[in-house]
Amino acid sequence: MTVTDGTEPRSQGIPRRSIESGEHIPNVAVFLKRTAIEFLQILFSQRAPGSYHYDEDDTKSEILIADLHAVDTIAVSVRPAIIAVRGPLSWQQTGLGSVESRKMTTGGYTFSDLLTGSLALSCISREGIEAEQIGHLVFNSFKFFRPVLQKYGFFSIKSLNIGAETLVEQEGADDRTTVVPIYITALIQDRWVMEDTAARKLRQIIVDHLFQAK
């Protein structure tokens, strides 16, 4: 079984690409979170200094935009942050997707399906009003730039939600931070190719297993 994962031309599918490097991202789970982080980093890097300007140099950046596992808790308490956490990625079809095309010369089938993925972006600040403002910027960014994200592999953004402001207190510390979460649900196209030779081998494995089981 040969997997293309969206590497076909756009006329046959939406390629999943990194916004920053343009490279193909075969893993849907990685694509969803990585693309969202890159999108926000690029967007906030265009903001003027003094207005949540993002810089790749941590010593110059006014806001932290990163994956949960790359976060320094001390840095979050010093400056505002947007932290990405991927939620469930689900496949809701009852079959193996729909047949998109068949290559007559090889007998290979191209299948296409849609996966539903979710992402939570926690907008964090020591000031509640600032956390709300950052949340507002993030929410509108995904709403307004939806067509741009679709060019990089988002089939569609199914829903956007702003969660309630939450006060977080760290045990044993005087510092308190406010979190405003943004929840994103997106549809991501998943495509793969099964060659005829792979299908025959798979059928033989199933037949052999059935006879051995008896």
C-alpha atoms as a PDB file:
ATOM      1  CA  MET A   1       0.000   0.000   0.000  1.00  0.00           C
ATOM      2  CA  THR A   2       1.471   3.300  -1.115  1.00  0.00           C
ATOM      3  CA  VAL A   3       0.382   6.425   0.740  1.00  0.00           C
ATOM      4  CA  THR A   4       0.406   9.775  -1.044  1.00  0.00           C
ATOM      5  CA  ASP A   5      -0.955  11.866   1.864  1.00  0.00           C
ATOM      6  CA  GLY A   6      -2.028  14.822  -0.214  1.00  0.00           C
ATOM      7  CA  THR A   7       1.077  15.034  -2.401  1.00  0.00           C
ATOM      8  CA  GLU A   8      -0.972  14.982  -5.604  1.00  0.00           C
ATOM      9  CA  PRO A   9      -1.551  18.205  -7.594  1.00  0.00           C
ATOM     10  CA  ARG A  10      -4.116  20.598  -6.143  1.00  0.00           C
ATOM     11  CA  SER A  11      -6.631  19.681  -8.862  1.00  0.00           C
ATOM     12  CA  GLN A  12      -6.828  16.240  -7.251  1.00  0.00           C
ATOM     13  CA  GLY A  13      -6.469  17.247  -3.621  1.00  0.00           C
ATOM     14  CA  ILE A  14      -5.248  19.837  -1.147  1.00  0.00           C
ATOM     15  CA  PRO A  15      -1.555  19.351  -0.307  1.00  0.00           C
ATOM     16  CA  ARG A  16      -0.614  19.641   3.374  1.00  0.00           C
ATOM     17  CA  ARG A  17       2.354  21.989   3.555  1.00  0.00           C
ATOM     18  CA  SER A  18       4.304  23.917   6.132  1.00  0.00           C
ATOM     19  CA  ILE A  19       3.599  27.646   5.822  1.00  0.00           C
ATOM     20  CA  GLU A  20       7.159  28.507   6.774  1.00  0.00           C
ATOM     21  CA  SER A  21       9.155  26.027   4.685  1.00  0.00           C
ATOM     22  CA  GLY A  22       6.622  24.738   2.163  1.00  0.00           C
ATOM     23  CA  GLU A  23       7.575  21.128   2.884  1.00  0.00           C
ATOM     24  CA  HIS A  24       4.960  18.375   2.816  1.00  0.00           C
ATOM     25  CA  ILE A  25       3.654  17.243   6.229  1.00  0.00           C
ATOM     26  CA  PRO A  26       2.307  13.662   5.922  1.00  0.00           C
ATOM     27  CA  ASN A  27       1.115  13.333   9.530  1.00  0.00           C
ATOM     28  CA  VAL A  28      -2.298  15.011   9.897  1.00  0.00           C
ATOM     29  CA  ALA A  29      -1.946  15.412  13.677  1.00  0.00           C
ATOM     30  CA  VAL A  30       1.427  17.130  13.313  1.00  0.00           C
ATOM     31  CA  PHE A  31       0.151  19.242  10.418  1.00  0.00           C
ATOM     32  CA  LEU A  32      -2.801  20.655  12.364  1.00  0.00           C
ATOM     33  CA  LYS A  33      -0.784  21.940  15.321  1.00  0.00           C
ATOM     34  CA  ARG A  34       2.389  22.905  13.455  1.00  0.00           C
ATOM     35  CA  THR A  35       0.544  24.906  10.800  1.00  0.00           C
ATOM     36  CA  ALA A  36      -1.502  26.784  13.410  1.00  0.00           C
ATOM     37  CA  ILE A  37       1.649  27.725  15.351  1.00  0.00           C
ATOM     38  CA  GLU A  38       3.507  28.828  12.205  1.00  0.00           C
ATOM     39  CA  PHE A  39       0.491  30.841  11.067  1.00  0.00           C
ATOM     40  CA  LEU A  40       0.312  32.762  14.352  1.00  0.00           C
ATOM     41  CA  GLN A  41       4.075  33.266  14.548  1.00  0.00           C
ATOM     42  CA  ILE A  42       4.142  34.783  11.059  1.00  0.00           C
ATOM     43  CA  LEU A  43       1.073  36.899  11.735  1.00  0.00           C
ATOM     44  CA  PHE A  44       2.319  38.306  15.060  1.00  0.00           C
ATOM     45  CA  SER A  45       5.798  38.895  13.608  1.00  0.00           C
ATOM     46  CA  GLN A  46       4.166  41.509  11.345  1.00  0.00           C
ATOM     47  CA  ARG A  47       2.775  43.447  14.297  1.00  0.00           C
ATOM     48  CA  ALA A  48       4.535  46.635  15.339  1.00  0.00           C
ATOM     49  CA  PRO A  49       6.918  46.597  18.329  1.00  0.00           C
ATOM     50  CA  GLY A  50       4.966  47.292  21.493  1.00  0.00           C
ATOM     51  CA  SER A  51       1.874  45.502  20.129  1.00  0.00           C
ATOM     52  CA  TYR A  52       2.565  41.813  20.848  1.00  0.00           C
ATOM     53  CA  HIS A  53       5.341  41.658  18.271  1.00  0.00           C
ATOM     54  CA  TYR A  54       6.704  38.116  17.797  1.00  0.00           C
ATOM     55  CA  ASP A  55      10.374  37.465  17.112  1.00  0.00           C
ATOM     56  CA  GLU A  56      12.169  34.138  16.653  1.00  0.00           C
ATOM     57  CA  ASP A  57      14.746  35.479  19.095  1.00  0.00           C
ATOM     58  CA  ASP A  58      13.212  34.828  22.524  1.00  0.00           C
ATOM     59  CA  THR A  59      15.106  37.757  24.011  1.00  0.00           C
ATOM     60  CA  LYS A  60      13.351  40.141  21.592  1.00  0.00           C
ATOM     61  CA  SER A  61       9.901  38.598  21.307  1.00  0.00           C
ATOM     62  CA  GLU A  62       7.055  40.300  23.164  1.00  0.00           C
ATOM     63  CA  ILE A  63       4.858  37.196  23.069  1.00  0.00           C
ATOM     64  CA  LEU A  64       5.513  33.477  23.298  1.00  0.00           C
ATOM     65  CA  ILE A  65       3.839  31.306  20.630  1.00  0.00           C
ATOM     66  CA  ALA A  66       4.652  27.633  21.003  1.00  0.00           C
ATOM     67  CA  ASP A  67       3.631  24.039  21.536  1.00  0.00           C
ATOM     68  CA  LEU A  68       2.743  23.032  25.092  1.00  0.00           C
ATOM     69  CA  HIS A  69       5.786  20.749  25.335  1.00  0.00           C
ATOM     70  CA  ALA A  70       8.168  23.553  24.357  1.00  0.00           C
ATOM     71  CA  VAL A  71       6.968  25.997  26.999  1.00  0.00           C
ATOM     72  CA  ASP A  72       9.049  27.394  29.813  1.00  0.00           C
ATOM     73  CA  THR A  73       6.673  28.112  32.709  1.00  0.00           C
ATOM     74  CA  ILE A  74       8.886  30.969  33.890  1.00  0.00           C
ATOM     75  CA  ALA A  75       8.703  32.638  30.449  1.00  0.00           C
ATOM     76  CA  VAL A  76       4.898  32.420  30.482  1.00  0.00           C
ATOM     77  CA  SER A  77       4.732  34.258  33.812  1.00  0.00           C
ATOM     78  CA  VAL A  78       6.904  37.078  32.453  1.00  0.00           C
ATOM     79  CA  ARG A  79       5.178  37.802  29.115  1.00  0.00           C
ATOM     80  CA  PRO A  80       1.916  36.896  27.377  1.00  0.00           C
ATOM     81  CA  ALA A  81       1.747  33.633  25.474  1.00  0.00           C
ATOM     82  CA  ILE A  82      -0.281  31.561  23.032  1.00  0.00           C
ATOM     83  CA  ILE A  83       0.110  27.853  23.772  1.00  0.00           C
ATOM     84  CA  ALA A  84      -1.139  25.207  21.336  1.00  0.00           C
ATOM     85  CA  VAL A  85      -2.548  21.847  22.441  1.00  0.00           C
ATOM     86  CA  ARG A  86      -3.974  19.403  19.910  1.00  0.00           C
ATOM     87  CA  GLY A  87      -7.234  17.720  20.776  1.00  0.00           C
ATOM     88  CA  PRO A  88      -8.799  14.558  19.305  1.00  0.00           C
ATOM     89  CA  LEU A  89      -8.388  13.688  15.640  1.00  0.00           C
ATOM     90  CA  SER A  90     -11.326  11.611  14.454  1.00  0.00           C
ATOM     91  CA  TRP A  91     -12.339   9.580  11.430  1.00  0.00           C
ATOM     92  CA  GLN A  92     -16.085   9.170  11.212  1.00  0.00           C
ATOM     93  CA  GLN A  93     -16.584   7.260   7.982  1.00  0.00           C
ATOM     94  CA  THR A  94     -17.795   3.670   8.129  1.00  0.00           C
ATOM     95  CA  GLY A  95     -15.748   2.568   5.112  1.00  0.00           C
ATOM     96  CA  LEU A  96     -12.233   3.134   3.809  1.00  0.00           C
ATOM     97  CA  GLY A  97     -13.080   6.458   2.243  1.00  0.00           C
ATOM     98  CA  SER A  98     -14.415   7.154  -1.218  1.00  0.00           C
ATOM     99  CA  VAL A  99     -12.637   6.206  -4.428  1.00  0.00           C
ATOM    100  CA  GLU A 100     -11.362   9.394  -6.024  1.00  0.00           C
ATOM    101  CA  SER A 101      -9.769   7.879  -9.114  1.00  0.00           C
ATOM    102  CA  ARG A 102      -8.282   4.738 -10.607  1.00  0.00           C
ATOM    103  CA  LYS A 103      -5.127   4.481 -12.687  1.00  0.00           C
ATOM    104  CA  MET A 104      -5.915   2.008 -15.449  1.00  0.00           C
ATOM    105  CA  THR A 105      -2.263   1.296 -16.272  1.00  0.00           C
ATOM    106  CA  THR A 106      -1.456  -0.031 -12.785  1.00  0.00           C
ATOM    107  CA  GLY A 107      -4.877  -0.838 -11.365  1.00  0.00           C
ATOM    108  CA  GLY A 108      -4.158   1.417  -8.399  1.00  0.00           C
ATOM    109  CA  TYR A 109      -6.962   3.219  -6.571  1.00  0.00           C
ATOM    110  CA  THR A 110      -6.736   6.688  -5.030  1.00  0.00           C
ATOM    111  CA  PHE A 111      -8.912   7.098  -1.949  1.00  0.00           C
ATOM    112  CA  SER A 112      -9.949  10.373  -0.336  1.00  0.00           C
ATOM    113  CA  ASP A 113     -11.473  11.053   3.067  1.00  0.00           C
ATOM    114  CA  LEU A 114     -11.895  13.859   5.578  1.00  0.00           C
ATOM    115  CA  LEU A 115     -10.545  13.799   9.121  1.00  0.00           C
ATOM    116  CA  THR A 116     -11.920  16.071  11.841  1.00  0.00           C
ATOM    117  CA  GLY A 117      -9.239  17.599  14.052  1.00  0.00           C
ATOM    118  CA  SER A 118      -9.410  19.940  17.017  1.00  0.00           C
ATOM    119  CA  LEU A 119      -6.946  22.375  18.502  1.00  0.00           C
ATOM    120  CA  ALA A 120      -6.962  24.490  21.655  1.00  0.00           C
ATOM    121  CA  LEU A 121      -4.964  27.725  21.759  1.00  0.00           C
ATOM    122  CA  SER A 122      -4.562  29.071  25.290  1.00  0.00           C
ATOM    123  CA  CYS A 123      -4.060  32.848  25.346  1.00  0.00           C
ATOM    124  CA  ILE A 124      -2.244  33.544  28.613  1.00  0.00           C
ATOM    125  CA  SER A 125      -1.435  36.770  30.435  1.00  0.00           C
ATOM    126  CA  ARG A 126      -1.041  38.109  33.954  1.00  0.00           C
ATOM    127  CA  GLU A 127      -3.778  40.611  33.094  1.00  0.00           C
ATOM    128  CA  GLY A 128      -7.285  39.423  32.274  1.00  0.00           C
ATOM    129  CA  ILE A 129      -8.011  42.177  29.752  1.00  0.00           C
ATOM    130  CA  GLU A 130      -4.777  41.394  27.903  1.00  0.00           C
ATOM    131  CA  ALA A 131      -5.617  37.692  27.702  1.00  0.00           C
ATOM    132  CA  GLU A 132      -9.024  38.646  26.283  1.00  0.00           C
ATOM    133  CA  GLN A 133      -7.411  40.959  23.712  1.00  0.00           C
ATOM    134  CA  ILE A 134      -4.971  38.271  22.542  1.00  0.00           C
ATOM    135  CA  GLY A 135      -7.832  35.777  22.337  1.00  0.00           C
ATOM    136  CA  HIS A 136      -9.782  38.259  20.213  1.00  0.00           C
ATOM    137  CA  LEU A 137      -6.810  38.632  17.834  1.00  0.00           C
ATOM    138  CA  VAL A 138      -6.331  34.867  17.507  1.00  0.00           C
ATOM    139  CA  PHE A 139     -10.034  34.221  16.944  1.00  0.00           C
ATOM    140  CA  ASN A 140     -10.313  36.847  14.209  1.00  0.00           C
ATOM    141  CA  SER A 141      -7.056  35.742  12.572  1.00  0.00           C
ATOM    142  CA  PHE A 142      -8.361  32.234  11.925  1.00  0.00           C
ATOM    143  CA  LYS A 143     -11.698  33.659  10.789  1.00  0.00           C
ATOM    144  CA  PHE A 144     -10.321  36.273   8.388  1.00  0.00           C
ATOM    145  CA  PHE A 145      -7.425  34.231   6.969  1.00  0.00           C
ATOM    146  CA  ARG A 146      -9.397  31.019   6.458  1.00  0.00           C
ATOM    147  CA  PRO A 147      -8.889  31.104   2.642  1.00  0.00           C
ATOM    148  CA  VAL A 148      -5.107  31.341   3.136  1.00  0.00           C
ATOM    149  CA  LEU A 149      -5.060  28.358   5.488  1.00  0.00           C
ATOM    150  CA  GLN A 150      -7.073  26.344   2.964  1.00  0.00           C
ATOM    151  CA  LYS A 151      -4.259  26.777   0.438  1.00  0.00           C
ATOM    152  CA  TYR A 152      -1.898  25.009   2.842  1.00  0.00           C
ATOM    153  CA  GLY A 153      -4.110  21.996   3.571  1.00  0.00           C
ATOM    154  CA  PHE A 154      -7.048  23.004   5.766  1.00  0.00           C
ATOM    155  CA  PHE A 155     -10.053  21.645   3.862  1.00  0.00           C
ATOM    156  CA  SER A 156     -12.249  23.902   5.984  1.00  0.00           C
ATOM    157  CA  ILE A 157     -12.475  25.442   9.445  1.00  0.00           C
ATOM    158  CA  LYS A 158     -15.634  23.886  10.799  1.00  0.00           C
ATOM    159  CA  SER A 159     -15.972  25.977  13.958  1.00  0.00           C
ATOM    160  CA  LEU A 160     -14.280  28.601  16.130  1.00  0.00           C
ATOM    161  CA  ASN A 161     -15.055  29.242  19.799  1.00  0.00           C
ATOM    162  CA  ILE A 162     -13.730  31.567  22.498  1.00  0.00           C
ATOM    163  CA  GLY A 163     -13.847  30.018  25.937  1.00  0.00           C
ATOM    164  CA  ALA A 164     -14.461  31.766  29.229  1.00  0.00           C
ATOM    165  CA  GLU A 165     -11.698  33.690  30.989  1.00  0.00           C
ATOM    166  CA  THR A 166     -10.126  31.517  33.692  1.00  0.00           C
ATOM    167  CA  LEU A 167      -7.847  32.549  36.536  1.00  0.00           C
ATOM    168  CA  VAL A 168      -4.975  30.146  37.208  1.00  0.00           C
ATOM    169  CA  GLU A 169      -3.032  30.220  40.463  1.00  0.00           C
ATOM    170  CA  GLN A 170       0.232  28.331  40.829  1.00  0.00           C
ATOM    171  CA  GLU A 171       0.601  26.483  44.109  1.00  0.00           C
ATOM    172  CA  GLY A 172       3.186  28.059  46.373  1.00  0.00           C
ATOM    173  CA  ALA A 173       3.512  31.187  44.239  1.00  0.00           C
ATOM    174  CA  ASP A 174       2.017  34.653  44.316  1.00  0.00           C
ATOM    175  CA  ASP A 175       1.798  34.889  40.530  1.00  0.00           C
ATOM    176  CA  ARG A 176      -1.621  34.466  38.947  1.00  0.00           C
ATOM    177  CA  THR A 177      -2.285  34.178  35.245  1.00  0.00           C
ATOM    178  CA  THR A 178      -5.436  34.452  33.173  1.00  0.00           C
ATOM    179  CA  VAL A 179      -6.214  32.029  30.353  1.00  0.00           C
ATOM    180  CA  VAL A 180      -8.645  32.611  27.478  1.00  0.00           C
ATOM    181  CA  PRO A 181      -8.887  29.495  25.280  1.00  0.00           C
ATOM    182  CA  ILE A 182      -9.670  29.467  21.575  1.00  0.00           C
ATOM    183  CA  TYR A 183     -11.077  26.191  20.251  1.00  0.00           C
ATOM    184  CA  ILE A 184     -10.701  25.323  16.570  1.00  0.00           C
ATOM    185  CA  THR A 185     -12.292  22.405  14.746  1.00  0.00           C
ATOM    186  CA  ALA A 186     -11.040  21.792  11.214  1.00  0.00           C
ATOM    187  CA  LEU A 187     -11.557  19.303   8.422  1.00  0.00           C
ATOM    188  CA  ILE A 188      -8.347  17.944   6.908  1.00  0.00           C
ATOM    189  CA  GLN A 189      -8.301  15.941   3.684  1.00  0.00           C
ATOM    190  CA  ASP A 190      -6.551  12.581   3.855  1.00  0.00           C
ATOM    191  CA  ARG A 191      -5.624  10.796   0.627  1.00  0.00           C
ATOM    192  CA  TRP A 192      -3.862   7.529  -0.092  1.00  0.00           C
ATOM    193  CA  VAL A 193      -3.178   5.157  -2.974  1.00  0.00           C
ATOM    194  CA  MET A 194      -3.486   1.398  -2.959  1.00  0.00           C
ATOM    195  CA  GLU A 195      -1.717  -0.321  -5.823  1.00  0.00           C
ATOM    196  CA  ASP A 196      -3.142  -3.533  -7.262  1.00  0.00           C
ATOM    197  CA  THR A 197      -0.089  -5.539  -6.167  1.00  0.00           C
ATOM    198  CA  ALA A 198      -0.567  -4.401  -2.562  1.00  0.00           C
ATOM    199  CA  ALA A 199      -4.260  -5.308  -2.699  1.00  0.00           C
ATOM    200  CA  ARG A 200      -3.439  -8.833  -3.940  1.00  0.00           C
ATOM    201  CA  LYS A 201      -0.875  -9.346  -1.177  1.00  0.00           C
ATOM    202  CA  LEU A 202      -3.369  -8.146   1.408  1.00  0.00           C
ATOM    203  CA  ARG A 203      -6.026 -10.564   0.147  1.00  0.00           C
ATOM    204  CA  GLN A 204      -3.498 -13.418   0.284  1.00  0.00           C
ATOM    205  CA  ILE A 205      -2.568 -12.566   3.888  1.00  0.00           C
ATOM    206  CA  ILE A 206      -6.249 -12.623   4.872  1.00  0.00           C
ATOM    207  CA  VAL A 207      -6.846 -15.956   3.111  1.00  0.00           C
ATOM    208  CA  ASP A 208      -3.752 -17.530   4.683  1.00  0.00           C
ATOM    209  CA  HIS A 209      -4.795 -16.319   8.125  1.00  0.00           C
ATOM    210  CA  LEU A 210      -8.298 -17.762   7.726  1.00  0.00           C
ATOM    211  CA  PHE A 211      -6.996 -21.191   6.726  1.00  0.00           C
ATOM    212  CA  GLN A 212      -4.391 -21.220   9.522  1.00  0.00           C
ATOM    213  CA  ALA A 213      -7.075 -20.287  12.037  1.00  0.00           C
ATOM    214  CA  LYS A 214      -9.032 -23.393  11.111  1.00  0.00           C
END
